PDB file of N, CA and C in Angstrom:
ATOM      1  N   ALA A   1     108.646 103.556  98.621  1.00  0.00           N
ATOM      2  CA  ALA A   1     109.088 104.876  98.226  1.00  0.00           C
ATOM      3  C   ALA A   1     108.413 105.969  99.070  1.00  0.00           C
ATOM      4  N   VAL A   2     107.156 105.756  99.432  1.00  0.00           N
ATOM      5  CA  VAL A   2     106.430 106.758 100.216  1.00  0.00           C
ATOM      6  C   VAL A   2     107.145 107.007 101.540  1.00  0.00           C
ATOM      7  N   ALA A   3     107.543 105.942 102.230  1.00  0.00           N
ATOM      8  CA  ALA A   3     108.239 106.093 103.517  1.00  0.00           C
ATOM      9  C   ALA A   3     109.576 106.795 103.339  1.00  0.00           C
ATOM     10  N   THR A   4     110.289 106.466 102.292  1.00  0.00           N
ATOM     11  CA  THR A   4     111.595 107.105 102.044  1.00  0.00           C
ATOM     12  C   THR A   4     111.422 108.582 101.768  1.00  0.00           C
ATOM     13  N   PHE A   5     110.479 108.944 100.908  1.00  0.00           N
ATOM     14  CA  PHE A   5     110.237 110.362 100.639  1.00  0.00           C
ATOM     15  C   PHE A   5     109.865 111.101 101.922  1.00  0.00           C
ATOM     16  N   GLY A   6     109.130 110.454 102.809  1.00  0.00           N
ATOM     17  CA  GLY A   6     108.734 111.074 104.067  1.00  0.00           C
ATOM     18  C   GLY A   6     109.909 111.396 104.977  1.00  0.00           C
ATOM     19  N   ARG A   7     111.018 110.708 104.786  1.00  0.00           N
ATOM     20  CA  ARG A   7     112.196 110.922 105.634  1.00  0.00           C
ATOM     21  C   ARG A   7     113.291 111.759 104.967  1.00  0.00           C
ATOM     22  N   LEU A   8     113.161 112.032 103.702  1.00  0.00           N
ATOM     23  CA  LEU A   8     114.216 112.758 102.986  1.00  0.00           C
ATOM     24  C   LEU A   8     114.336 114.206 103.458  1.00  0.00           C
ATOM     25  N   THR A   9     115.558 114.654 103.590  1.00  0.00           N
ATOM     26  CA  THR A   9     115.822 116.065 103.896  1.00  0.00           C
ATOM     27  C   THR A   9     116.500 116.741 102.718  1.00  0.00           C
ATOM     28  N   THR A  10     116.724 115.976 101.633  1.00  0.00           N
ATOM     29  CA  THR A  10     117.320 116.511 100.404  1.00  0.00           C
ATOM     30  C   THR A  10     116.390 116.174  99.245  1.00  0.00           C
ATOM     31  N   ARG A  11     116.698 116.715  98.089  1.00  0.00           N
ATOM     32  CA  ARG A  11     115.864 116.422  96.923  1.00  0.00           C
ATOM     33  C   ARG A  11     116.283 115.139  96.217  1.00  0.00           C
ATOM     34  N   MET A  12     117.513 114.699  96.421  1.00  0.00           N
ATOM     35  CA  MET A  12     118.013 113.530  95.718  1.00  0.00           C
ATOM     36  C   MET A  12     118.496 112.484  96.709  1.00  0.00           C
ATOM     37  N   CYS A  13     118.082 111.244  96.499  1.00  0.00           N
ATOM     38  CA  CYS A  13     118.514 110.131  97.349  1.00  0.00           C
ATOM     39  C   CYS A  13     119.010 109.007  96.442  1.00  0.00           C
ATOM     40  N   LEU A  14     120.280 108.658  96.566  1.00  0.00           N
ATOM     41  CA  LEU A  14     120.841 107.534  95.818  1.00  0.00           C
ATOM     42  C   LEU A  14     120.881 106.322  96.733  1.00  0.00           C
ATOM     43  N   VAL A  15     120.336 105.216  96.255  1.00  0.00           N
ATOM     44  CA  VAL A  15     120.269 103.999  97.065  1.00  0.00           C
ATOM     45  C   VAL A  15     120.894 102.838  96.300  1.00  0.00           C
ATOM     46  N   GLY A  16     121.060 101.736  96.989  1.00  0.00           N
ATOM     47  CA  GLY A  16     121.608 100.534  96.372  1.00  0.00           C
ATOM     48  C   GLY A  16     121.033  99.312  97.030  1.00  0.00           C
ATOM     49  N   HIS A  17     121.716  98.229  96.901  1.00  0.00           N
ATOM     50  CA  HIS A  17     121.469  96.949  97.543  1.00  0.00           C
ATOM     51  C   HIS A  17     120.364  96.117  96.900  1.00  0.00           C
ATOM     52  N   SER A  18     119.416  96.693  96.203  1.00  0.00           N
ATOM     53  CA  SER A  18     118.351  95.889  95.602  1.00  0.00           C
ATOM     54  C   SER A  18     118.825  95.195  94.326  1.00  0.00           C
ATOM     55  N   HIS A  19     119.933  95.642  93.761  1.00  0.00           N
ATOM     56  CA  HIS A  19     120.501  95.092  92.530  1.00  0.00           C
ATOM     57  C   HIS A  19     119.632  95.399  91.308  1.00  0.00           C
ATOM     58  N   LEU A  20     118.608  96.227  91.467  1.00  0.00           N
ATOM     59  CA  LEU A  20     117.702  96.574  90.372  1.00  0.00           C
ATOM     60  C   LEU A  20     117.734  98.077  90.129  1.00  0.00           C
ATOM     61  N   PRO A  21     118.001  98.496  88.887  1.00  0.00           N
ATOM     62  CA  PRO A  21     118.001  99.933  88.614  1.00  0.00           C
ATOM     63  C   PRO A  21     116.586 100.505  88.603  1.00  0.00           C
ATOM     64  N   PHE A  22     116.420 101.686  89.220  1.00  0.00           N
ATOM     65  CA  PHE A  22     115.136 102.376  89.127  1.00  0.00           C
ATOM     66  C   PHE A  22     115.337 103.861  89.402  1.00  0.00           C
ATOM     67  N   LEU A  23     114.365 104.634  88.945  1.00  0.00           N
ATOM     68  CA  LEU A  23     114.317 106.069  89.167  1.00  0.00           C
ATOM     69  C   LEU A  23     112.886 106.398  89.548  1.00  0.00           C
ATOM     70  N   CYS A  24     112.697 107.025  90.704  1.00  0.00           N
ATOM     71  CA  CYS A  24     111.365 107.313  91.220  1.00  0.00           C
ATOM     72  C   CYS A  24     111.283 108.793  91.599  1.00  0.00           C
ATOM     73  N   ARG A  25     110.211 109.455  91.200  1.00  0.00           N
ATOM     74  CA  ARG A  25     110.035 110.859  91.553  1.00  0.00           C
ATOM     75  C   ARG A  25     108.776 111.029  92.392  1.00  0.00           C
ATOM     76  N   GLU A  26     108.797 112.048  93.214  1.00  0.00           N
ATOM     77  CA  GLU A  26     107.650 112.359  94.064  1.00  0.00           C
ATOM     78  C   GLU A  26     106.723 113.311  93.326  1.00  0.00           C
ATOM     79  N   ASN A  27     105.449 112.951  93.268  1.00  0.00           N
ATOM     80  CA  ASN A  27     104.402 113.786  92.663  1.00  0.00           C
ATOM     81  C   ASN A  27     103.352 114.088  93.716  1.00  0.00           C
ATOM     82  N   ARG A  28     102.457 114.990  93.429  1.00  0.00           N
ATOM     83  CA  ARG A  28     101.363 115.279  94.365  1.00  0.00           C
ATOM     84  C   ARG A  28     100.518 114.036  94.641  1.00  0.00           C
ATOM     85  N   GLU A  29     100.370 113.201  93.604  1.00  0.00           N
ATOM     86  CA  GLU A  29      99.554 111.985  93.733  1.00  0.00           C
ATOM     87  C   GLU A  29     100.303 110.861  94.434  1.00  0.00           C
ATOM     88  N   GLY A  30     101.595 111.022  94.634  1.00  0.00           N
ATOM     89  CA  GLY A  30     102.432 109.979  95.224  1.00  0.00           C
ATOM     90  C   GLY A  30     103.623 109.689  94.325  1.00  0.00           C
ATOM     91  N   PRO A  31     104.420 108.707  94.698  1.00  0.00           N
ATOM     92  CA  PRO A  31     105.604 108.410  93.906  1.00  0.00           C
ATOM     93  C   PRO A  31     105.266 107.760  92.572  1.00  0.00           C
ATOM     94  N   SER A  32     106.099 108.016  91.563  1.00  0.00           N
ATOM     95  CA  SER A  32     105.944 107.346  90.273  1.00  0.00           C
ATOM     96  C   SER A  32     107.323 106.940  89.767  1.00  0.00           C
ATOM     97  N   PHE A  33     107.368 105.771  89.181  1.00  0.00           N
ATOM     98  CA  PHE A  33     108.621 105.261  88.641  1.00  0.00           C
ATOM     99  C   PHE A  33     108.761 105.719  87.196  1.00  0.00           C
ATOM    100  N   VAL A  34     109.979 106.107  86.838  1.00  0.00           N
ATOM    101  CA  VAL A  34     110.285 106.662  85.532  1.00  0.00           C
ATOM    102  C   VAL A  34     111.290 105.730  84.858  1.00  0.00           C
ATOM    103  N   SER A  35     111.173 105.571  83.556  1.00  0.00           N
ATOM    104  CA  SER A  35     112.126 104.747  82.821  1.00  0.00           C
ATOM    105  C   SER A  35     113.547 105.261  83.048  1.00  0.00           C
ATOM    106  N   PHE A  36     114.450 104.360  83.345  1.00  0.00           N
ATOM    107  CA  PHE A  36     115.846 104.715  83.632  1.00  0.00           C
ATOM    108  C   PHE A  36     116.747 103.806  82.799  1.00  0.00           C
ATOM    109  N   ALA A  37     116.601 103.928  81.486  1.00  0.00           N
ATOM    110  CA  ALA A  37     117.329 103.072  80.555  1.00  0.00           C
ATOM    111  C   ALA A  37     118.819 103.396  80.546  1.00  0.00           C
ATOM    112  N   GLU A  38     119.610 102.412  80.135  1.00  0.00           N
ATOM    113  CA  GLU A  38     121.054 102.644  80.059  1.00  0.00           C
ATOM    114  C   GLU A  38     121.377 103.652  78.965  1.00  0.00           C
ATOM    115  N   ASP A  39     122.478 104.343  79.146  1.00  0.00           N
ATOM    116  CA  ASP A  39     122.969 105.375  78.215  1.00  0.00           C
ATOM    117  C   ASP A  39     121.948 106.479  77.977  1.00  0.00           C
ATOM    118  N   GLN A  40     121.075 106.690  78.938  1.00  0.00           N
ATOM    119  CA  GLN A  40     120.079 107.756  78.876  1.00  0.00           C
ATOM    120  C   GLN A  40     120.477 108.825  79.878  1.00  0.00           C
ATOM    121  N   SER A  41     120.408 110.070  79.453  1.00  0.00           N
ATOM    122  CA  SER A  41     120.646 111.197  80.346  1.00  0.00           C
ATOM    123  C   SER A  41     119.288 111.698  80.810  1.00  0.00           C
ATOM    124  N   PHE A  42     119.127 111.768  82.140  1.00  0.00           N
ATOM    125  CA  PHE A  42     117.828 112.165  82.686  1.00  0.00           C
ATOM    126  C   PHE A  42     117.986 113.446  83.491  1.00  0.00           C
ATOM    127  N   GLU A  43     117.326 114.495  83.062  1.00  0.00           N
ATOM    128  CA  GLU A  43     117.382 115.798  83.740  1.00  0.00           C
ATOM    129  C   GLU A  43     116.477 115.755  84.968  1.00  0.00           C
ATOM    130  N   LEU A  44     117.055 116.026  86.124  1.00  0.00           N
ATOM    131  CA  LEU A  44     116.291 116.005  87.372  1.00  0.00           C
ATOM    132  C   LEU A  44     115.699 117.389  87.612  1.00  0.00           C
ATOM    133  N   ASP A  45     114.388 117.467  87.699  1.00  0.00           N
ATOM    134  CA  ASP A  45     113.729 118.748  87.915  1.00  0.00           C
ATOM    135  C   ASP A  45     113.656 119.061  89.406  1.00  0.00           C
ATOM    136  N   ASP A  46     112.791 119.980  89.805  1.00  0.00           N
ATOM    137  CA  ASP A  46     112.767 120.441  91.196  1.00  0.00           C
ATOM    138  C   ASP A  46     111.973 119.539  92.136  1.00  0.00           C
ATOM    139  N   ARG A  47     111.510 118.389  91.659  1.00  0.00           N
ATOM    140  CA  ARG A  47     110.850 117.421  92.547  1.00  0.00           C
ATOM    141  C   ARG A  47     111.903 116.619  93.316  1.00  0.00           C
ATOM    142  N   ARG A  48     111.452 115.801  94.244  1.00  0.00           N
ATOM    143  CA  ARG A  48     112.379 114.932  94.968  1.00  0.00           C
ATOM    144  C   ARG A  48     112.481 113.594  94.236  1.00  0.00           C
ATOM    145  N   TRP A  49     113.690 113.002  94.288  1.00  0.00           N
ATOM    146  CA  TRP A  49     113.995 111.808  93.515  1.00  0.00           C
ATOM    147  C   TRP A  49     114.679 110.749  94.372  1.00  0.00           C
ATOM    148  N   ILE A  50     114.398 109.487  94.050  1.00  0.00           N
ATOM    149  CA  ILE A  50     115.138 108.352  94.593  1.00  0.00           C
ATOM    150  C   ILE A  50     115.673 107.595  93.381  1.00  0.00           C
ATOM    151  N   ALA A  51     116.960 107.300  93.384  1.00  0.00           N
ATOM    152  CA  ALA A  51     117.554 106.606  92.245  1.00  0.00           C
ATOM    153  C   ALA A  51     118.426 105.447  92.715  1.00  0.00           C
ATOM    154  N   ASN A  52     118.326 104.347  91.998  1.00  0.00           N
ATOM    155  CA  ASN A  52     119.199 103.199  92.199  1.00  0.00           C
ATOM    156  C   ASN A  52     119.808 102.875  90.841  1.00  0.00           C
ATOM    157  N   PRO A  53     121.128 103.001  90.711  1.00  0.00           N
ATOM    158  CA  PRO A  53     121.753 102.750  89.409  1.00  0.00           C
ATOM    159  C   PRO A  53     121.839 101.274  89.033  1.00  0.00           C
ATOM    160  N   GLY A  54     121.493 100.381  89.940  1.00  0.00           N
ATOM    161  CA  GLY A  54     121.598  98.957  89.660  1.00  0.00           C
ATOM    162  C   GLY A  54     122.717  98.346  90.472  1.00  0.00           C
ATOM    163  N   SER A  55     123.429  97.411  89.882  1.00  0.00           N
ATOM    164  CA  SER A  55     124.467  96.698  90.620  1.00  0.00           C
ATOM    165  C   SER A  55     125.717  96.520  89.777  1.00  0.00           C
ATOM    166  N   VAL A  56     126.855  96.718  90.385  1.00  0.00           N
ATOM    167  CA  VAL A  56     128.117  96.429  89.693  1.00  0.00           C
ATOM    168  C   VAL A  56     128.600  95.019  90.006  1.00  0.00           C
ATOM    169  N   GLY A  57     127.997  94.360  90.997  1.00  0.00           N
ATOM    170  CA  GLY A  57     128.474  93.047  91.396  1.00  0.00           C
ATOM    171  C   GLY A  57     127.579  91.897  90.988  1.00  0.00           C
ATOM    172  N   GLN A  58     126.308  91.971  91.301  1.00  0.00           N
ATOM    173  CA  GLN A  58     125.384  90.878  91.015  1.00  0.00           C
ATOM    174  C   GLN A  58     124.063  91.461  90.490  1.00  0.00           C
ATOM    175  N   PRO A  59     124.040  91.959  89.244  1.00  0.00           N
ATOM    176  CA  PRO A  59     122.790  92.511  88.707  1.00  0.00           C
ATOM    177  C   PRO A  59     121.656  91.489  88.765  1.00  0.00           C
ATOM    178  N   ARG A  60     120.443  91.970  88.987  1.00  0.00           N
ATOM    179  CA  ARG A  60     119.273  91.085  89.078  1.00  0.00           C
ATOM    180  C   ARG A  60     118.172  91.518  88.120  1.00  0.00           C
ATOM    181  N   ASP A  61     118.558  92.190  87.036  1.00  0.00           N
ATOM    182  CA  ASP A  61     117.560  92.665  86.071  1.00  0.00           C
ATOM    183  C   ASP A  61     117.684  91.954  84.723  1.00  0.00           C
ATOM    184  N   TYR A  62     118.193  90.713  84.744  1.00  0.00           N
ATOM    185  CA  TYR A  62     118.335  89.865  83.561  1.00  0.00           C
ATOM    186  C   TYR A  62     119.334  90.424  82.551  1.00  0.00           C
ATOM    187  N   ASP A  63     120.237  91.269  82.991  1.00  0.00           N
ATOM    188  CA  ASP A  63     121.344  91.751  82.166  1.00  0.00           C
ATOM    189  C   ASP A  63     122.597  91.601  83.025  1.00  0.00           C
ATOM    190  N   PRO A  64     123.507  90.713  82.653  1.00  0.00           N
ATOM    191  CA  PRO A  64     124.652  90.422  83.515  1.00  0.00           C
ATOM    192  C   PRO A  64     125.719  91.511  83.570  1.00  0.00           C
ATOM    193  N   ARG A  65     125.588  92.540  82.747  1.00  0.00           N
ATOM    194  CA  ARG A  65     126.605  93.600  82.755  1.00  0.00           C
ATOM    195  C   ARG A  65     126.423  94.514  83.970  1.00  0.00           C
ATOM    196  N   PRO A  66     127.526  94.895  84.614  1.00  0.00           N
ATOM    197  CA  PRO A  66     127.429  95.847  85.726  1.00  0.00           C
ATOM    198  C   PRO A  66     126.783  97.160  85.280  1.00  0.00           C
ATOM    199  N   SER A  67     126.056  97.777  86.195  1.00  0.00           N
ATOM    200  CA  SER A  67     125.329  99.017  85.922  1.00  0.00           C
ATOM    201  C   SER A  67     125.737 100.067  86.951  1.00  0.00           C
ATOM    202  N   TYR A  68     125.957 101.291  86.487  1.00  0.00           N
ATOM    203  CA  TYR A  68     126.319 102.392  87.378  1.00  0.00           C
ATOM    204  C   TYR A  68     125.732 103.690  86.844  1.00  0.00           C
ATOM    205  N   ALA A  69     125.733 104.723  87.677  1.00  0.00           N
ATOM    206  CA  ALA A  69     125.195 106.020  87.261  1.00  0.00           C
ATOM    207  C   ALA A  69     126.183 107.125  87.603  1.00  0.00           C
ATOM    208  N   ILE A  70     126.085 108.199  86.849  1.00  0.00           N
ATOM    209  CA  ILE A  70     126.891 109.399  87.078  1.00  0.00           C
ATOM    210  C   ILE A  70     125.940 110.566  87.280  1.00  0.00           C
ATOM    211  N   PHE A  71     126.117 111.269  88.396  1.00  0.00           N
ATOM    212  CA  PHE A  71     125.330 112.470  88.671  1.00  0.00           C
ATOM    213  C   PHE A  71     126.200 113.680  88.347  1.00  0.00           C
ATOM    214  N   SER A  72     125.691 114.573  87.517  1.00  0.00           N
ATOM    215  CA  SER A  72     126.398 115.802  87.153  1.00  0.00           C
ATOM    216  C   SER A  72     125.517 116.980  87.506  1.00  0.00           C
ATOM    217  N   ASN A  73     126.096 117.971  88.203  1.00  0.00           N
ATOM    218  CA  ASN A  73     125.277 119.135  88.528  1.00  0.00           C
ATOM    219  C   ASN A  73     125.904 120.449  88.082  1.00  0.00           C
ATOM    220  N   ASN A  74     127.129 120.423  87.621  1.00  0.00           N
ATOM    221  CA  ASN A  74     127.796 121.630  87.130  1.00  0.00           C
ATOM    222  C   ASN A  74     127.645 122.801  88.102  1.00  0.00           C
ATOM    223  N   GLY A  75     127.782 122.502  89.389  1.00  0.00           N
ATOM    224  CA  GLY A  75     127.715 123.557  90.401  1.00  0.00           C
ATOM    225  C   GLY A  75     126.321 124.057  90.708  1.00  0.00           C
ATOM    226  N   ARG A  76     125.283 123.312  90.313  1.00  0.00           N
ATOM    227  CA  ARG A  76     123.898 123.753  90.505  1.00  0.00           C
ATOM    228  C   ARG A  76     123.254 123.142  91.733  1.00  0.00           C
ATOM    229  N   GLY A  77     124.019 122.749  92.710  1.00  0.00           N
ATOM    230  CA  GLY A  77     123.433 122.171  93.928  1.00  0.00           C
ATOM    231  C   GLY A  77     122.807 120.827  93.656  1.00  0.00           C
ATOM    232  N   GLU A  78     121.542 120.670  94.027  1.00  0.00           N
ATOM    233  CA  GLU A  78     120.862 119.387  93.863  1.00  0.00           C
ATOM    234  C   GLU A  78     120.218 119.213  92.493  1.00  0.00           C
ATOM    235  N   GLU A  79     120.170 120.263  91.699  1.00  0.00           N
ATOM    236  CA  GLU A  79     119.632 120.118  90.351  1.00  0.00           C
ATOM    237  C   GLU A  79     120.734 119.542  89.473  1.00  0.00           C
ATOM    238  N   GLY A  80     120.359 118.723  88.521  1.00  0.00           N
ATOM    239  CA  GLY A  80     121.380 118.168  87.652  1.00  0.00           C
ATOM    240  C   GLY A  80     120.848 117.082  86.758  1.00  0.00           C
ATOM    241  N   CYS A  81     121.762 116.247  86.358  1.00  0.00           N
ATOM    242  CA  CYS A  81     121.491 115.224  85.375  1.00  0.00           C
ATOM    243  C   CYS A  81     122.026 113.883  85.900  1.00  0.00           C
ATOM    244  N   LEU A  82     121.300 112.830  85.642  1.00  0.00           N
ATOM    245  CA  LEU A  82     121.716 111.494  86.044  1.00  0.00           C
ATOM    246  C   LEU A  82     121.796 110.630  84.789  1.00  0.00           C
ATOM    247  N   GLU A  83     122.926 109.951  84.617  1.00  0.00           N
ATOM    248  CA  GLU A  83     123.131 109.068  83.468  1.00  0.00           C
ATOM    249  C   GLU A  83     123.455 107.672  83.976  1.00  0.00           C
ATOM    250  N   ARG A  84     122.824 106.662  83.383  1.00  0.00           N
ATOM    251  CA  ARG A  84     123.099 105.274  83.770  1.00  0.00           C
ATOM    252  C   ARG A  84     123.799 104.562  82.624  1.00  0.00           C
ATOM    253  N   HIS A  85     124.816 103.784  82.977  1.00  0.00           N
ATOM    254  CA  HIS A  85     125.607 103.075  81.970  1.00  0.00           C
ATOM    255  C   HIS A  85     125.826 101.627  82.381  1.00  0.00           C
ATOM    256  N   ARG A  86     126.231 100.825  81.412  1.00  0.00           N
ATOM    257  CA  ARG A  86     126.620  99.431  81.642  1.00  0.00           C
ATOM    258  C   ARG A  86     128.006  99.223  81.043  1.00  0.00           C
ATOM    259  N   VAL A  87     128.719  98.261  81.597  1.00  0.00           N
ATOM    260  CA  VAL A  87     130.046  97.927  81.084  1.00  0.00           C
ATOM    261  C   VAL A  87     130.169  96.408  80.935  1.00  0.00           C
ATOM    262  N   GLU A  88     131.043  96.001  80.052  1.00  0.00           N
ATOM    263  CA  GLU A  88     131.369  94.585  79.891  1.00  0.00           C
ATOM    264  C   GLU A  88     132.570  94.270  80.779  1.00  0.00           C
ATOM    265  N   TYR A  89     132.687  93.028  81.194  1.00  0.00           N
ATOM    266  CA  TYR A  89     133.861  92.575  81.923  1.00  0.00           C
ATOM    267  C   TYR A  89     134.021  91.076  81.679  1.00  0.00           C
ATOM    268  N   ASP A  90     135.128  90.540  82.069  1.00  0.00           N
ATOM    269  CA  ASP A  90     135.430  89.134  81.852  1.00  0.00           C
ATOM    270  C   ASP A  90     134.726  88.292  82.916  1.00  0.00           C
ATOM    271  N   ARG A  91     133.470  87.918  82.631  1.00  0.00           N
ATOM    272  CA  ARG A  91     132.692  87.135  83.594  1.00  0.00           C
ATOM    273  C   ARG A  91     133.313  85.765  83.834  1.00  0.00           C
ATOM    274  N   ALA A  92     133.844  85.149  82.787  1.00  0.00           N
ATOM    275  CA  ALA A  92     134.441  83.812  82.943  1.00  0.00           C
ATOM    276  C   ALA A  92     135.598  83.851  83.935  1.00  0.00           C
ATOM    277  N   GLU A  93     136.413  84.864  83.867  1.00  0.00           N
ATOM    278  CA  GLU A  93     137.534  85.002  84.809  1.00  0.00           C
ATOM    279  C   GLU A  93     137.024  85.232  86.230  1.00  0.00           C
ATOM    280  N   THR A  94     136.002  86.063  86.354  1.00  0.00           N
ATOM    281  CA  THR A  94     135.411  86.305  87.676  1.00  0.00           C
ATOM    282  C   THR A  94     134.824  85.017  88.237  1.00  0.00           C
ATOM    283  N   GLN A  95     134.122  84.257  87.401  1.00  0.00           N
ATOM    284  CA  GLN A  95     133.535  82.997  87.851  1.00  0.00           C
ATOM    285  C   GLN A  95     134.625  81.989  88.250  1.00  0.00           C
ATOM    286  N   ARG A  96     135.728  81.962  87.515  1.00  0.00           N
ATOM    287  CA  ARG A  96     136.831  81.072  87.873  1.00  0.00           C
ATOM    288  C   ARG A  96     137.362  81.421  89.257  1.00  0.00           C
ATOM    289  N   LYS A  97     137.549  82.719  89.509  1.00  0.00           N
ATOM    290  CA  LYS A  97     138.040  83.156  90.819  1.00  0.00           C
ATOM    291  C   LYS A  97     137.038  82.824  91.924  1.00  0.00           C
ATOM    292  N   MET A  98     135.749  82.927  91.608  1.00  0.00           N
ATOM    293  CA  MET A  98     134.723  82.589  92.595  1.00  0.00           C
ATOM    294  C   MET A  98     134.767  81.086  92.913  1.00  0.00           C
ATOM    295  N   ARG A  99     134.921  80.250  91.868  1.00  0.00           N
ATOM    296  CA  ARG A  99     135.032  78.803  92.097  1.00  0.00           C
ATOM    297  C   ARG A  99     136.263  78.490  92.940  1.00  0.00           C
ATOM    298  N   ASP A 100     137.398  79.122  92.591  1.00  0.00           N
ATOM    299  CA  ASP A 100     138.641  78.905  93.336  1.00  0.00           C
ATOM    300  C   ASP A 100     138.500  79.299  94.806  1.00  0.00           C
ATOM    301  N   ALA A 101     137.660  80.304  95.060  1.00  0.00           N
ATOM    302  CA  ALA A 101     137.454  80.770  96.437  1.00  0.00           C
ATOM    303  C   ALA A 101     136.419  79.919  97.179  1.00  0.00           C
ATOM    304  N   GLY A 102     135.805  78.961  96.469  1.00  0.00           N
ATOM    305  CA  GLY A 102     134.834  78.080  97.109  1.00  0.00           C
ATOM    306  C   GLY A 102     133.471  78.709  97.331  1.00  0.00           C
ATOM    307  N   LEU A 103     133.130  79.715  96.547  1.00  0.00           N
ATOM    308  CA  LEU A 103     131.817  80.357  96.700  1.00  0.00           C
ATOM    309  C   LEU A 103     130.704  79.447  96.188  1.00  0.00           C
ATOM    310  N   PRO A 104     129.477  79.644  96.675  1.00  0.00           N
ATOM    311  CA  PRO A 104     128.355  78.791  96.264  1.00  0.00           C
ATOM    312  C   PRO A 104     128.087  78.857  94.758  1.00  0.00           C
ATOM    313  N   ARG A 105     127.750  77.711  94.198  1.00  0.00           N
ATOM    314  CA  ARG A 105     127.517  77.574  92.754  1.00  0.00           C
ATOM    315  C   ARG A 105     126.443  78.540  92.243  1.00  0.00           C
ATOM    316  N   ASN A 106     125.371  78.728  93.020  1.00  0.00           N
ATOM    317  CA  ASN A 106     124.287  79.605  92.550  1.00  0.00           C
ATOM    318  C   ASN A 106     124.771  81.044  92.365  1.00  0.00           C
ATOM    319  N   LEU A 107     125.686  81.515  93.203  1.00  0.00           N
ATOM    320  CA  LEU A 107     126.232  82.870  93.038  1.00  0.00           C
ATOM    321  C   LEU A 107     127.096  82.965  91.793  1.00  0.00           C
ATOM    322  N   ILE A 108     127.808  81.902  91.503  1.00  0.00           N
ATOM    323  CA  ILE A 108     128.670  81.868  90.316  1.00  0.00           C
ATOM    324  C   ILE A 108     127.826  81.843  89.044  1.00  0.00           C
ATOM    325  N   ASP A 109     126.837  80.969  89.002  1.00  0.00           N
ATOM    326  CA  ASP A 109     126.006  80.801  87.801  1.00  0.00           C
ATOM    327  C   ASP A 109     125.160  82.020  87.482  1.00  0.00           C
ATOM    328  N   ARG A 110     124.681  82.719  88.504  1.00  0.00           N
ATOM    329  CA  ARG A 110     123.789  83.850  88.244  1.00  0.00           C
ATOM    330  C   ARG A 110     124.484  84.985  87.499  1.00  0.00           C
ATOM    331  N   LEU A 111     125.815  85.035  87.534  1.00  0.00           N
ATOM    332  CA  LEU A 111     126.532  86.076  86.796  1.00  0.00           C
ATOM    333  C   LEU A 111     126.285  85.990  85.296  1.00  0.00           C
ATOM    334  N   ASP A 112     126.003  84.774  84.789  1.00  0.00           N
ATOM    335  CA  ASP A 112     125.745  84.612  83.359  1.00  0.00           C
ATOM    336  C   ASP A 112     124.408  85.185  82.923  1.00  0.00           C
ATOM    337  N   HIS A 113     123.477  85.316  83.855  1.00  0.00           N
ATOM    338  CA  HIS A 113     122.105  85.669  83.479  1.00  0.00           C
ATOM    339  C   HIS A 113     121.587  86.969  84.094  1.00  0.00           C
ATOM    340  N   GLY A 114     122.296  87.503  85.057  1.00  0.00           N
ATOM    341  CA  GLY A 114     121.839  88.734  85.685  1.00  0.00           C
ATOM    342  C   GLY A 114     120.592  88.557  86.528  1.00  0.00           C
ATOM    343  N   VAL A 115     120.498  87.414  87.215  1.00  0.00           N
ATOM    344  CA  VAL A 115     119.349  87.160  88.096  1.00  0.00           C
ATOM    345  C   VAL A 115     119.818  86.757  89.483  1.00  0.00           C
TER     346      VAL A 115
END
């Protein structure tokens, strides 16, 4: 997080690919991670932030439901609110399609556990 904050030219940075949801803010003492629970609205203050809403494809936080976030600023520039949510979907159907496509078994099985 320290390296990312050092390169930021904006106050908010949305990232992905880690498959793990997190919210990190920059403090004088360095970065700190903040709880980013689902269905929680988090007001972003004037500090700099890095946020990862999680994964819609292969979550890795032991919850198989896809995770996403919505940023709302109501015309306030970079100040605003971030909300993270989860949704249900037909995992069995997705796994069937993955098997039919010949994808590796470990990718298919991990959908049941979110790892």
